[in-house]
Amino acid sequence: MIPTEILLFFIAASAALAIAPGPDNIFVLTQSAIHGRKAGILVTLGLCTGLIVHISAVALGVAAIFKTSTVAFTVLKAVGAAYLLHLAWQAFSAGDAQIAAAKDAPISAKALYLRGILMNVTNPKVAIFFLAFLPQFTDPVRGAVSIQMIVLGAVFMMTAFTIFCGIAWAASRIGGWLQRSKRAQMGINRLAGTVFILLACRLALSTQ
């Protein structure tokens, strides 16, 4: 059983990390601004699903591979950077006709959900972060460390989900304005494309 005071401190630390500007919350913000609040929540669900993969990897010790294997780390971050560049290309290539068509045929819920999963799972830095972060709040005296990590990981997910949904709601408030202005839609797509490129570069240049 994790003591209440440690759990509360962990929640506070998790909230601070979720609020701090980073690839995941910036991703939620841009997707919500472009596609609306529902899209942001679906992307958030995808990101949290990705967190399940990373938390499980840490609990099972798999994440240590990405910390010690240069090949595994490089391959995964290359896939992640390539996917972000693909999203950037889609954003930059969206013309007036595509924007108008998007209103009638929005991105499917499945596509948005998978987008969140891919964004999170293909970032090896997340696994390494959990590998360094979660053990600080565990203690072998309290029982199996792997179980404690899973519990803490679940708490982190719930905290991040709550905050990211708040970000999605706030960003979606400009959705109506975007729908009324093609110029604004073009601008936000260009901004999103730039953000995706910057995130791809940040991931590609990251080190173990």
N, C-alpha and C. Protein backbone atom coordinates (compact mmCIF):
# COMPACT_ATOMS: atom_id res chain seq x y z
N MET A 1 0.85 -1.19 0.00
CA MET A 1 0.00 0.00 0.00
C MET A 1 0.89 1.25 0.00
N ILE A 2 0.66 2.12 -0.95
CA ILE A 2 1.45 3.34 -1.04
C ILE A 2 0.89 4.38 -0.07
N PRO A 3 1.72 4.94 0.81
CA PRO A 3 1.24 5.94 1.79
C PRO A 3 0.57 7.13 1.10
N THR A 4 -0.43 7.68 1.77
CA THR A 4 -1.20 8.78 1.20
C THR A 4 -0.33 9.99 0.88
N GLU A 5 0.59 10.33 1.76
CA GLU A 5 1.42 11.51 1.53
C GLU A 5 2.32 11.35 0.31
N ILE A 6 2.81 10.13 0.10
CA ILE A 6 3.64 9.88 -1.09
C ILE A 6 2.78 9.93 -2.34
N LEU A 7 1.57 9.38 -2.26
CA LEU A 7 0.67 9.38 -3.40
C LEU A 7 0.27 10.81 -3.79
N LEU A 8 0.00 11.64 -2.79
CA LEU A 8 -0.37 13.03 -3.07
C LEU A 8 0.80 13.79 -3.70
N PHE A 9 2.00 13.54 -3.21
CA PHE A 9 3.18 14.19 -3.79
C PHE A 9 3.38 13.72 -5.23
N PHE A 10 3.13 12.43 -5.47
CA PHE A 10 3.27 11.88 -6.81
C PHE A 10 2.25 12.51 -7.76
N ILE A 11 1.02 12.70 -7.30
CA ILE A 11 -0.02 13.32 -8.13
C ILE A 11 0.37 14.75 -8.46
N ALA A 12 0.88 15.48 -7.47
CA ALA A 12 1.30 16.86 -7.71
C ALA A 12 2.44 16.92 -8.73
N ALA A 13 3.39 16.00 -8.61
CA ALA A 13 4.51 15.95 -9.56
C ALA A 13 4.02 15.58 -10.95
N SER A 14 3.10 14.63 -11.02
CA SER A 14 2.54 14.20 -12.30
C SER A 14 1.78 15.33 -12.98
N ALA A 15 1.01 16.10 -12.19
CA ALA A 15 0.25 17.22 -12.73
C ALA A 15 1.19 18.28 -13.29
N ALA A 16 2.27 18.55 -12.56
CA ALA A 16 3.23 19.56 -13.02
C ALA A 16 3.88 19.12 -14.33
N LEU A 17 4.19 17.84 -14.43
CA LEU A 17 4.81 17.32 -15.65
C LEU A 17 3.83 17.36 -16.83
N ALA A 18 2.55 17.09 -16.55
CA ALA A 18 1.54 17.09 -17.62
C ALA A 18 1.26 18.50 -18.13
N ILE A 19 1.34 19.48 -17.22
CA ILE A 19 1.07 20.87 -17.59
C ILE A 19 2.26 21.49 -18.34
N ALA A 20 3.47 21.10 -17.93
CA ALA A 20 4.67 21.67 -18.56
C ALA A 20 4.65 21.40 -20.07
N PRO A 21 4.97 22.41 -20.89
CA PRO A 21 4.96 22.23 -22.35
C PRO A 21 5.83 21.05 -22.78
N GLY A 22 5.24 20.17 -23.53
CA GLY A 22 5.95 18.99 -24.02
C GLY A 22 5.27 18.45 -25.26
N PRO A 23 5.85 17.44 -25.91
CA PRO A 23 5.29 16.90 -27.15
C PRO A 23 3.83 16.47 -27.05
N ASP A 24 3.47 15.78 -25.94
CA ASP A 24 2.11 15.24 -25.83
C ASP A 24 1.05 16.33 -25.67
N ASN A 25 1.25 17.27 -24.73
CA ASN A 25 0.20 18.27 -24.54
C ASN A 25 0.15 19.27 -25.70
N ILE A 26 1.29 19.52 -26.34
CA ILE A 26 1.28 20.37 -27.54
C ILE A 26 0.52 19.68 -28.67
N PHE A 27 0.70 18.36 -28.75
CA PHE A 27 -0.01 17.57 -29.77
C PHE A 27 -1.52 17.64 -29.54
N VAL A 28 -1.94 17.48 -28.29
CA VAL A 28 -3.36 17.57 -27.96
C VAL A 28 -3.90 18.95 -28.29
N LEU A 29 -3.12 19.98 -27.97
CA LEU A 29 -3.55 21.35 -28.22
C LEU A 29 -3.77 21.61 -29.72
N THR A 30 -2.81 21.21 -30.55
CA THR A 30 -2.95 21.46 -31.99
C THR A 30 -4.09 20.66 -32.60
N GLN A 31 -4.23 19.40 -32.21
CA GLN A 31 -5.30 18.58 -32.76
C GLN A 31 -6.67 19.08 -32.34
N SER A 32 -6.78 19.56 -31.11
CA SER A 32 -8.06 20.10 -30.62
C SER A 32 -8.42 21.39 -31.33
N ALA A 33 -7.40 22.23 -31.57
CA ALA A 33 -7.65 23.50 -32.25
C ALA A 33 -8.10 23.27 -33.69
N ILE A 34 -7.55 22.24 -34.33
CA ILE A 34 -7.88 21.97 -35.73
C ILE A 34 -9.18 21.18 -35.87
N HIS A 35 -9.33 20.14 -35.06
CA HIS A 35 -10.44 19.20 -35.25
C HIS A 35 -11.53 19.26 -34.17
N GLY A 36 -11.32 20.03 -33.10
CA GLY A 36 -12.35 20.16 -32.08
C GLY A 36 -12.05 19.39 -30.80
N ARG A 37 -12.90 19.65 -29.79
CA ARG A 37 -12.71 19.06 -28.46
C ARG A 37 -12.75 17.54 -28.48
N LYS A 38 -13.70 16.96 -29.19
CA LYS A 38 -13.83 15.51 -29.25
C LYS A 38 -12.55 14.88 -29.79
N ALA A 39 -11.99 15.51 -30.81
CA ALA A 39 -10.75 15.01 -31.40
C ALA A 39 -9.63 15.04 -30.36
N GLY A 40 -9.56 16.13 -29.60
CA GLY A 40 -8.53 16.25 -28.58
C GLY A 40 -8.65 15.16 -27.52
N ILE A 41 -9.90 14.85 -27.14
CA ILE A 41 -10.12 13.80 -26.13
C ILE A 41 -9.74 12.43 -26.68
N LEU A 42 -10.07 12.20 -27.96
CA LEU A 42 -9.72 10.91 -28.58
C LEU A 42 -8.20 10.76 -28.68
N VAL A 43 -7.53 11.83 -29.05
CA VAL A 43 -6.06 11.80 -29.10
C VAL A 43 -5.50 11.55 -27.70
N THR A 44 -6.11 12.19 -26.69
CA THR A 44 -5.67 12.00 -25.31
C THR A 44 -5.84 10.54 -24.89
N LEU A 45 -6.95 9.92 -25.27
CA LEU A 45 -7.17 8.50 -24.98
C LEU A 45 -6.08 7.65 -25.63
N GLY A 46 -5.71 8.04 -26.86
CA GLY A 46 -4.65 7.32 -27.55
C GLY A 46 -3.32 7.48 -26.84
N LEU A 47 -3.02 8.69 -26.41
CA LEU A 47 -1.78 8.95 -25.68
C LEU A 47 -1.73 8.13 -24.39
N CYS A 48 -2.85 8.08 -23.68
CA CYS A 48 -2.91 7.32 -22.43
C CYS A 48 -2.76 5.82 -22.69
N THR A 49 -3.28 5.35 -23.80
CA THR A 49 -3.09 3.95 -24.17
C THR A 49 -1.61 3.68 -24.42
N GLY A 50 -0.94 4.64 -25.05
CA GLY A 50 0.49 4.53 -25.25
C GLY A 50 1.24 4.48 -23.93
N LEU A 51 0.74 5.25 -22.95
CA LEU A 51 1.36 5.24 -21.62
C LEU A 51 1.27 3.87 -20.97
N ILE A 52 0.17 3.16 -21.25
CA ILE A 52 0.01 1.80 -20.71
C ILE A 52 1.16 0.92 -21.20
N VAL A 53 1.49 1.07 -22.49
CA VAL A 53 2.59 0.29 -23.07
C VAL A 53 3.91 0.61 -22.35
N HIS A 54 4.18 1.91 -22.17
CA HIS A 54 5.43 2.32 -21.53
C HIS A 54 5.49 1.89 -20.06
N ILE A 55 4.37 2.05 -19.35
CA ILE A 55 4.34 1.68 -17.94
C ILE A 55 4.54 0.17 -17.78
N SER A 56 3.90 -0.60 -18.66
CA SER A 56 4.07 -2.05 -18.62
C SER A 56 5.52 -2.42 -18.92
N ALA A 57 6.12 -1.71 -19.86
CA ALA A 57 7.52 -1.98 -20.21
C ALA A 57 8.44 -1.71 -19.03
N VAL A 58 8.16 -0.64 -18.30
CA VAL A 58 8.98 -0.31 -17.13
C VAL A 58 8.80 -1.37 -16.05
N ALA A 59 7.54 -1.77 -15.80
CA ALA A 59 7.25 -2.76 -14.77
C ALA A 59 7.90 -4.11 -15.09
N LEU A 60 8.00 -4.42 -16.38
CA LEU A 60 8.58 -5.70 -16.80
C LEU A 60 10.08 -5.61 -17.05
N GLY A 61 10.62 -4.38 -16.99
CA GLY A 61 12.04 -4.22 -17.20
C GLY A 61 12.44 -4.03 -18.65
N VAL A 62 11.47 -4.04 -19.56
CA VAL A 62 11.77 -3.92 -20.99
C VAL A 62 12.33 -2.54 -21.33
N ALA A 63 11.87 -1.52 -20.62
CA ALA A 63 12.31 -0.16 -20.92
C ALA A 63 13.82 0.01 -20.78
N ALA A 64 14.42 -0.85 -19.96
CA ALA A 64 15.87 -0.78 -19.77
C ALA A 64 16.60 -1.02 -21.09
N ILE A 65 15.96 -1.75 -21.99
CA ILE A 65 16.57 -2.04 -23.30
C ILE A 65 16.80 -0.74 -24.06
N PHE A 66 15.80 0.15 -24.03
CA PHE A 66 15.92 1.41 -24.75
C PHE A 66 16.97 2.33 -24.12
N LYS A 67 17.22 2.11 -22.84
CA LYS A 67 18.23 2.92 -22.16
C LYS A 67 19.64 2.43 -22.45
N THR A 68 19.76 1.13 -22.73
CA THR A 68 21.08 0.55 -22.94
C THR A 68 21.40 0.21 -24.39
N SER A 69 20.35 0.00 -25.20
CA SER A 69 20.57 -0.37 -26.60
C SER A 69 20.43 0.83 -27.52
N THR A 70 21.53 1.23 -28.12
CA THR A 70 21.52 2.37 -29.04
C THR A 70 20.69 2.06 -30.28
N VAL A 71 20.76 0.83 -30.76
CA VAL A 71 20.02 0.44 -31.96
C VAL A 71 18.52 0.52 -31.73
N ALA A 72 18.03 -0.08 -30.61
CA ALA A 72 16.60 -0.06 -30.30
C ALA A 72 16.11 1.38 -30.13
N PHE A 73 16.87 2.18 -29.43
CA PHE A 73 16.50 3.58 -29.19
C PHE A 73 16.42 4.34 -30.51
N THR A 74 17.43 4.16 -31.36
CA THR A 74 17.49 4.88 -32.63
C THR A 74 16.36 4.48 -33.57
N VAL A 75 16.08 3.18 -33.65
CA VAL A 75 15.02 2.70 -34.54
C VAL A 75 13.67 3.28 -34.13
N LEU A 76 13.37 3.22 -32.83
CA LEU A 76 12.07 3.69 -32.37
C LEU A 76 11.91 5.19 -32.55
N LYS A 77 12.96 5.95 -32.26
CA LYS A 77 12.83 7.40 -32.42
C LYS A 77 12.77 7.79 -33.89
N ALA A 78 13.39 7.00 -34.78
CA ALA A 78 13.32 7.27 -36.22
C ALA A 78 11.89 7.06 -36.72
N VAL A 79 11.24 6.01 -36.22
CA VAL A 79 9.84 5.76 -36.60
C VAL A 79 8.96 6.90 -36.12
N GLY A 80 9.18 7.33 -34.88
CA GLY A 80 8.39 8.43 -34.33
C GLY A 80 8.59 9.72 -35.09
N ALA A 81 9.84 10.05 -35.42
CA ALA A 81 10.13 11.27 -36.16
C ALA A 81 9.51 11.23 -37.56
N ALA A 82 9.58 10.06 -38.19
CA ALA A 82 9.00 9.90 -39.54
C ALA A 82 7.49 10.11 -39.49
N TYR A 83 6.84 9.60 -38.45
CA TYR A 83 5.39 9.77 -38.34
C TYR A 83 5.02 11.23 -38.13
N LEU A 84 5.79 11.93 -37.31
CA LEU A 84 5.53 13.36 -37.09
C LEU A 84 5.74 14.16 -38.37
N LEU A 85 6.75 13.80 -39.15
CA LEU A 85 6.98 14.49 -40.43
C LEU A 85 5.83 14.20 -41.40
N HIS A 86 5.27 13.00 -41.33
CA HIS A 86 4.11 12.66 -42.16
C HIS A 86 2.92 13.55 -41.80
N LEU A 87 2.70 13.76 -40.49
CA LEU A 87 1.61 14.64 -40.05
C LEU A 87 1.88 16.08 -40.49
N ALA A 88 3.15 16.49 -40.45
CA ALA A 88 3.51 17.84 -40.89
C ALA A 88 3.20 18.01 -42.37
N TRP A 89 3.54 17.02 -43.15
CA TRP A 89 3.26 17.07 -44.60
C TRP A 89 1.76 17.18 -44.85
N GLN A 90 0.96 16.41 -44.11
CA GLN A 90 -0.49 16.49 -44.26
C GLN A 90 -1.00 17.88 -43.93
N ALA A 91 -0.46 18.48 -42.87
CA ALA A 91 -0.90 19.81 -42.45
C ALA A 91 -0.53 20.86 -43.49
N PHE A 92 0.69 20.82 -43.99
CA PHE A 92 1.15 21.81 -44.96
C PHE A 92 0.47 21.65 -46.33
N SER A 93 0.10 20.41 -46.67
CA SER A 93 -0.49 20.17 -47.99
C SER A 93 -2.00 20.35 -48.02
N ALA A 94 -2.60 20.68 -46.88
CA ALA A 94 -4.04 20.88 -46.81
C ALA A 94 -4.41 22.21 -47.46
N GLY A 95 -5.03 22.15 -48.62
CA GLY A 95 -5.46 23.35 -49.32
C GLY A 95 -6.88 23.72 -48.96
N ASP A 96 -7.40 24.76 -49.60
CA ASP A 96 -8.78 25.20 -49.32
C ASP A 96 -9.78 24.09 -49.53
N ALA A 97 -9.62 23.34 -50.63
CA ALA A 97 -10.57 22.28 -50.96
C ALA A 97 -10.55 21.20 -49.89
N GLN A 98 -9.35 20.86 -49.42
CA GLN A 98 -9.23 19.82 -48.41
C GLN A 98 -9.83 20.27 -47.08
N ILE A 99 -9.65 21.54 -46.75
CA ILE A 99 -10.22 22.07 -45.51
C ILE A 99 -11.73 22.04 -45.57
N ALA A 100 -12.28 22.44 -46.71
CA ALA A 100 -13.74 22.41 -46.87
C ALA A 100 -14.25 20.99 -46.78
N ALA A 101 -13.52 20.05 -47.40
CA ALA A 101 -13.94 18.65 -47.39
C ALA A 101 -13.86 18.08 -45.98
N ALA A 102 -12.91 18.55 -45.20
CA ALA A 102 -12.73 18.04 -43.84
C ALA A 102 -13.95 18.33 -42.98
N LYS A 103 -14.67 19.41 -43.29
CA LYS A 103 -15.88 19.72 -42.52
C LYS A 103 -16.94 18.66 -42.74
N ASP A 104 -17.02 18.14 -43.98
CA ASP A 104 -18.02 17.14 -44.30
C ASP A 104 -17.56 15.73 -43.97
N ALA A 105 -16.25 15.51 -43.97
CA ALA A 105 -15.70 14.18 -43.70
C ALA A 105 -14.54 14.30 -42.71
N PRO A 106 -14.85 14.56 -41.46
CA PRO A 106 -13.79 14.74 -40.45
C PRO A 106 -13.00 13.45 -40.23
N ILE A 107 -11.84 13.57 -39.62
CA ILE A 107 -11.02 12.40 -39.32
C ILE A 107 -11.79 11.48 -38.39
N SER A 108 -11.75 10.18 -38.67
CA SER A 108 -12.51 9.23 -37.88
C SER A 108 -11.97 9.13 -36.45
N ALA A 109 -12.84 8.68 -35.55
CA ALA A 109 -12.45 8.52 -34.16
C ALA A 109 -11.29 7.53 -34.04
N LYS A 110 -11.35 6.47 -34.83
CA LYS A 110 -10.29 5.46 -34.80
C LYS A 110 -8.95 6.06 -35.21
N ALA A 111 -8.97 6.88 -36.27
CA ALA A 111 -7.73 7.48 -36.77
C ALA A 111 -7.13 8.42 -35.72
N LEU A 112 -7.97 9.20 -35.05
CA LEU A 112 -7.48 10.12 -34.03
C LEU A 112 -6.92 9.35 -32.83
N TYR A 113 -7.61 8.29 -32.45
CA TYR A 113 -7.16 7.46 -31.34
C TYR A 113 -5.80 6.83 -31.66
N LEU A 114 -5.68 6.26 -32.86
CA LEU A 114 -4.43 5.63 -33.28
C LEU A 114 -3.31 6.67 -33.40
N ARG A 115 -3.68 7.88 -33.80
CA ARG A 115 -2.69 8.95 -33.91
C ARG A 115 -2.05 9.22 -32.55
N GLY A 116 -2.89 9.24 -31.50
CA GLY A 116 -2.38 9.44 -30.15
C GLY A 116 -1.47 8.30 -29.70
N ILE A 117 -1.89 7.07 -30.00
CA ILE A 117 -1.08 5.90 -29.62
C ILE A 117 0.29 5.96 -30.28
N LEU A 118 0.30 6.18 -31.61
CA LEU A 118 1.57 6.21 -32.34
C LEU A 118 2.47 7.34 -31.85
N MET A 119 1.87 8.48 -31.57
CA MET A 119 2.64 9.62 -31.10
C MET A 119 3.38 9.27 -29.81
N ASN A 120 2.72 8.53 -28.94
CA ASN A 120 3.30 8.22 -27.63
C ASN A 120 4.22 7.01 -27.67
N VAL A 121 3.77 5.93 -28.29
CA VAL A 121 4.52 4.68 -28.27
C VAL A 121 5.86 4.80 -28.99
N THR A 122 5.91 5.60 -30.06
CA THR A 122 7.15 5.70 -30.84
C THR A 122 8.14 6.70 -30.26
N ASN A 123 7.90 7.15 -29.03
CA ASN A 123 8.84 8.06 -28.37
C ASN A 123 9.56 7.30 -27.25
N PRO A 124 10.77 6.81 -27.49
CA PRO A 124 11.48 6.02 -26.47
C PRO A 124 11.81 6.83 -25.22
N LYS A 125 11.82 8.16 -25.34
CA LYS A 125 12.12 9.00 -24.18
C LYS A 125 11.06 8.85 -23.09
N VAL A 126 9.83 8.50 -23.50
CA VAL A 126 8.75 8.32 -22.51
C VAL A 126 9.06 7.12 -21.63
N ALA A 127 9.49 6.01 -22.26
CA ALA A 127 9.83 4.81 -21.50
C ALA A 127 10.99 5.08 -20.55
N ILE A 128 11.98 5.79 -21.04
CA ILE A 128 13.14 6.10 -20.21
C ILE A 128 12.76 7.04 -19.07
N PHE A 129 11.83 7.97 -19.36
CA PHE A 129 11.35 8.88 -18.32
C PHE A 129 10.69 8.09 -17.19
N PHE A 130 9.80 7.17 -17.54
CA PHE A 130 9.14 6.37 -16.51
C PHE A 130 10.13 5.49 -15.76
N LEU A 131 11.14 5.02 -16.48
CA LEU A 131 12.17 4.19 -15.86
C LEU A 131 12.92 4.97 -14.77
N ALA A 132 13.06 6.28 -14.97
CA ALA A 132 13.74 7.12 -14.00
C ALA A 132 12.79 7.70 -12.95
N PHE A 133 11.52 7.93 -13.34
CA PHE A 133 10.57 8.64 -12.49
C PHE A 133 9.85 7.73 -11.50
N LEU A 134 9.28 6.63 -11.97
CA LEU A 134 8.44 5.79 -11.11
C LEU A 134 9.19 5.16 -9.93
N PRO A 135 10.41 4.63 -10.13
CA PRO A 135 11.10 3.98 -9.01
C PRO A 135 11.33 4.90 -7.81
N GLN A 136 11.35 6.22 -8.02
CA GLN A 136 11.57 7.16 -6.92
C GLN A 136 10.46 7.10 -5.87
N PHE A 137 9.29 6.59 -6.29
CA PHE A 137 8.13 6.58 -5.40
C PHE A 137 7.79 5.16 -4.93
N THR A 138 8.68 4.21 -5.18
CA THR A 138 8.44 2.83 -4.75
C THR A 138 9.37 2.47 -3.59
N ASP A 139 8.99 1.41 -2.90
CA ASP A 139 9.80 0.93 -1.79
C ASP A 139 9.56 -0.59 -1.65
N PRO A 140 10.62 -1.39 -1.78
CA PRO A 140 10.46 -2.85 -1.68
C PRO A 140 9.79 -3.30 -0.39
N VAL A 141 9.90 -2.49 0.65
CA VAL A 141 9.28 -2.83 1.94
C VAL A 141 7.76 -2.90 1.82
N ARG A 142 7.20 -2.13 0.87
CA ARG A 142 5.74 -2.08 0.70
C ARG A 142 5.21 -3.18 -0.21
N GLY A 143 6.07 -4.07 -0.67
CA GLY A 143 5.61 -5.15 -1.54
C GLY A 143 6.29 -5.12 -2.89
N ALA A 144 5.73 -5.86 -3.85
CA ALA A 144 6.32 -5.98 -5.18
C ALA A 144 6.47 -4.61 -5.85
N VAL A 145 7.67 -4.28 -6.24
CA VAL A 145 7.94 -2.98 -6.87
C VAL A 145 7.20 -2.85 -8.20
N SER A 146 7.09 -3.95 -8.95
CA SER A 146 6.42 -3.90 -10.24
C SER A 146 4.95 -3.52 -10.09
N ILE A 147 4.30 -4.04 -9.03
CA ILE A 147 2.89 -3.71 -8.77
C ILE A 147 2.77 -2.23 -8.40
N GLN A 148 3.70 -1.75 -7.57
CA GLN A 148 3.69 -0.34 -7.18
C GLN A 148 3.84 0.56 -8.41
N MET A 149 4.71 0.15 -9.36
CA MET A 149 4.90 0.94 -10.57
C MET A 149 3.63 0.98 -11.41
N ILE A 150 2.93 -0.13 -11.48
CA ILE A 150 1.69 -0.17 -12.25
C ILE A 150 0.64 0.75 -11.62
N VAL A 151 0.55 0.72 -10.29
CA VAL A 151 -0.41 1.59 -9.58
C VAL A 151 -0.06 3.05 -9.82
N LEU A 152 1.22 3.39 -9.66
CA LEU A 152 1.66 4.76 -9.87
C LEU A 152 1.46 5.18 -11.32
N GLY A 153 1.71 4.26 -12.23
CA GLY A 153 1.51 4.55 -13.65
C GLY A 153 0.05 4.86 -13.95
N ALA A 154 -0.86 4.10 -13.32
CA ALA A 154 -2.29 4.33 -13.51
C ALA A 154 -2.69 5.71 -12.97
N VAL A 155 -2.13 6.08 -11.83
CA VAL A 155 -2.40 7.40 -11.25
C VAL A 155 -1.88 8.49 -12.17
N PHE A 156 -0.68 8.29 -12.72
CA PHE A 156 -0.11 9.27 -13.65
C PHE A 156 -1.01 9.42 -14.87
N MET A 157 -1.51 8.30 -15.39
CA MET A 157 -2.40 8.33 -16.55
C MET A 157 -3.67 9.13 -16.27
N MET A 158 -4.29 8.88 -15.13
CA MET A 158 -5.53 9.58 -14.79
C MET A 158 -5.28 11.08 -14.63
N THR A 159 -4.14 11.41 -14.03
CA THR A 159 -3.80 12.83 -13.85
C THR A 159 -3.57 13.50 -15.20
N ALA A 160 -2.79 12.84 -16.05
CA ALA A 160 -2.51 13.39 -17.38
C ALA A 160 -3.77 13.49 -18.22
N PHE A 161 -4.64 12.47 -18.11
CA PHE A 161 -5.88 12.48 -18.89
C PHE A 161 -6.75 13.68 -18.50
N THR A 162 -6.87 13.94 -17.22
CA THR A 162 -7.67 15.07 -16.74
C THR A 162 -7.13 16.40 -17.27
N ILE A 163 -5.83 16.57 -17.16
CA ILE A 163 -5.21 17.83 -17.60
C ILE A 163 -5.27 17.97 -19.12
N PHE A 164 -5.01 16.90 -19.84
CA PHE A 164 -5.05 16.97 -21.31
C PHE A 164 -6.46 17.24 -21.82
N CYS A 165 -7.47 16.70 -21.13
CA CYS A 165 -8.86 16.99 -21.53
C CYS A 165 -9.15 18.48 -21.32
N GLY A 166 -8.58 19.05 -20.26
CA GLY A 166 -8.74 20.49 -20.03
C GLY A 166 -8.09 21.29 -21.14
N ILE A 167 -6.92 20.84 -21.59
CA ILE A 167 -6.23 21.50 -22.70
C ILE A 167 -7.06 21.38 -23.97
N ALA A 168 -7.64 20.19 -24.19
CA ALA A 168 -8.47 19.97 -25.38
C ALA A 168 -9.68 20.90 -25.38
N TRP A 169 -10.31 21.03 -24.23
CA TRP A 169 -11.48 21.91 -24.12
C TRP A 169 -11.09 23.36 -24.40
N ALA A 170 -9.99 23.81 -23.80
CA ALA A 170 -9.57 25.20 -23.98
C ALA A 170 -9.21 25.48 -25.44
N ALA A 171 -8.48 24.56 -26.07
CA ALA A 171 -8.06 24.76 -27.46
C ALA A 171 -9.25 24.71 -28.41
N SER A 172 -10.25 23.90 -28.08
CA SER A 172 -11.41 23.76 -28.98
C SER A 172 -12.30 25.00 -28.98
N ARG A 173 -12.10 25.88 -28.01
CA ARG A 173 -12.92 27.09 -27.93
C ARG A 173 -12.74 27.99 -29.15
N ILE A 174 -11.61 27.83 -29.83
CA ILE A 174 -11.39 28.64 -31.04
C ILE A 174 -11.88 27.90 -32.28
N GLY A 175 -12.47 26.71 -32.08
CA GLY A 175 -12.92 25.91 -33.22
C GLY A 175 -13.95 26.61 -34.09
N GLY A 176 -14.90 27.29 -33.44
CA GLY A 176 -15.94 27.98 -34.20
C GLY A 176 -15.35 29.06 -35.09
N TRP A 177 -14.41 29.80 -34.55
CA TRP A 177 -13.74 30.84 -35.33
C TRP A 177 -13.00 30.24 -36.51
N LEU A 178 -12.35 29.10 -36.28
CA LEU A 178 -11.61 28.45 -37.36
C LEU A 178 -12.56 28.00 -38.49
N GLN A 179 -13.72 27.49 -38.10
CA GLN A 179 -14.67 27.01 -39.11
C GLN A 179 -15.23 28.14 -39.95
N ARG A 180 -15.25 29.35 -39.42
CA ARG A 180 -15.79 30.48 -40.17
C ARG A 180 -14.74 31.17 -41.05
N SER A 181 -13.49 30.83 -40.85
CA SER A 181 -12.43 31.50 -41.59
C SER A 181 -11.46 30.51 -42.23
N LYS A 182 -11.49 30.47 -43.56
CA LYS A 182 -10.55 29.59 -44.27
C LYS A 182 -9.12 30.05 -44.04
N ARG A 183 -8.93 31.35 -43.98
CA ARG A 183 -7.58 31.88 -43.76
C ARG A 183 -7.06 31.43 -42.40
N ALA A 184 -7.94 31.47 -41.40
CA ALA A 184 -7.52 31.04 -40.06
C ALA A 184 -7.20 29.55 -40.06
N GLN A 185 -8.01 28.76 -40.78
CA GLN A 185 -7.76 27.33 -40.86
C GLN A 185 -6.43 27.04 -41.53
N MET A 186 -6.14 27.78 -42.61
CA MET A 186 -4.87 27.62 -43.29
C MET A 186 -3.72 27.97 -42.33
N GLY A 187 -3.92 29.04 -41.56
CA GLY A 187 -2.88 29.48 -40.64
C GLY A 187 -2.61 28.46 -39.55
N ILE A 188 -3.68 27.88 -38.97
CA ILE A 188 -3.50 26.92 -37.90
C ILE A 188 -2.89 25.63 -38.43
N ASN A 189 -3.23 25.27 -39.68
CA ASN A 189 -2.61 24.09 -40.29
C ASN A 189 -1.12 24.31 -40.50
N ARG A 190 -0.76 25.52 -40.93
CA ARG A 190 0.66 25.83 -41.11
C ARG A 190 1.38 25.80 -39.76
N LEU A 191 0.71 26.32 -38.74
CA LEU A 191 1.29 26.32 -37.40
C LEU A 191 1.46 24.89 -36.89
N ALA A 192 0.42 24.08 -37.10
CA ALA A 192 0.50 22.68 -36.67
C ALA A 192 1.62 21.95 -37.40
N GLY A 193 1.75 22.20 -38.71
CA GLY A 193 2.81 21.57 -39.48
C GLY A 193 4.18 21.94 -38.95
N THR A 194 4.34 23.21 -38.60
CA THR A 194 5.62 23.67 -38.04
C THR A 194 5.90 23.00 -36.70
N VAL A 195 4.86 22.89 -35.87
CA VAL A 195 5.01 22.25 -34.57
C VAL A 195 5.42 20.79 -34.75
N PHE A 196 4.78 20.10 -35.70
CA PHE A 196 5.11 18.69 -35.94
C PHE A 196 6.57 18.54 -36.38
N ILE A 197 7.03 19.45 -37.22
CA ILE A 197 8.43 19.40 -37.67
C ILE A 197 9.38 19.62 -36.50
N LEU A 198 9.06 20.60 -35.65
CA LEU A 198 9.90 20.87 -34.49
C LEU A 198 9.93 19.68 -33.53
N LEU A 199 8.77 19.04 -33.34
CA LEU A 199 8.71 17.87 -32.47
C LEU A 199 9.51 16.71 -33.07
N ALA A 200 9.42 16.57 -34.41
CA ALA A 200 10.17 15.51 -35.09
C ALA A 200 11.67 15.74 -34.92
N CYS A 201 12.10 16.99 -35.08
CA CYS A 201 13.52 17.32 -34.92
C CYS A 201 13.98 17.08 -33.48
N ARG A 202 13.13 17.46 -32.54
CA ARG A 202 13.48 17.26 -31.14
C ARG A 202 13.64 15.78 -30.84
N LEU A 203 12.74 14.96 -31.37
CA LEU A 203 12.81 13.53 -31.15
C LEU A 203 14.02 12.92 -31.85
N ALA A 204 14.25 13.33 -33.10
CA ALA A 204 15.35 12.80 -33.88
C ALA A 204 16.72 13.13 -33.27
N LEU A 205 16.80 14.29 -32.61
CA LEU A 205 18.07 14.72 -32.01
C LEU A 205 18.24 14.29 -30.56
N SER A 206 17.20 13.64 -30.02
CA SER A 206 17.27 13.22 -28.62
C SER A 206 18.29 12.11 -28.44
N THR A 207 18.87 12.05 -27.27
CA THR A 207 19.88 11.04 -26.96
C THR A 207 19.47 10.25 -25.73
N GLN A 208 20.11 9.11 -25.55
CA GLN A 208 19.81 8.28 -24.39
C GLN A 208 20.33 8.93 -23.12
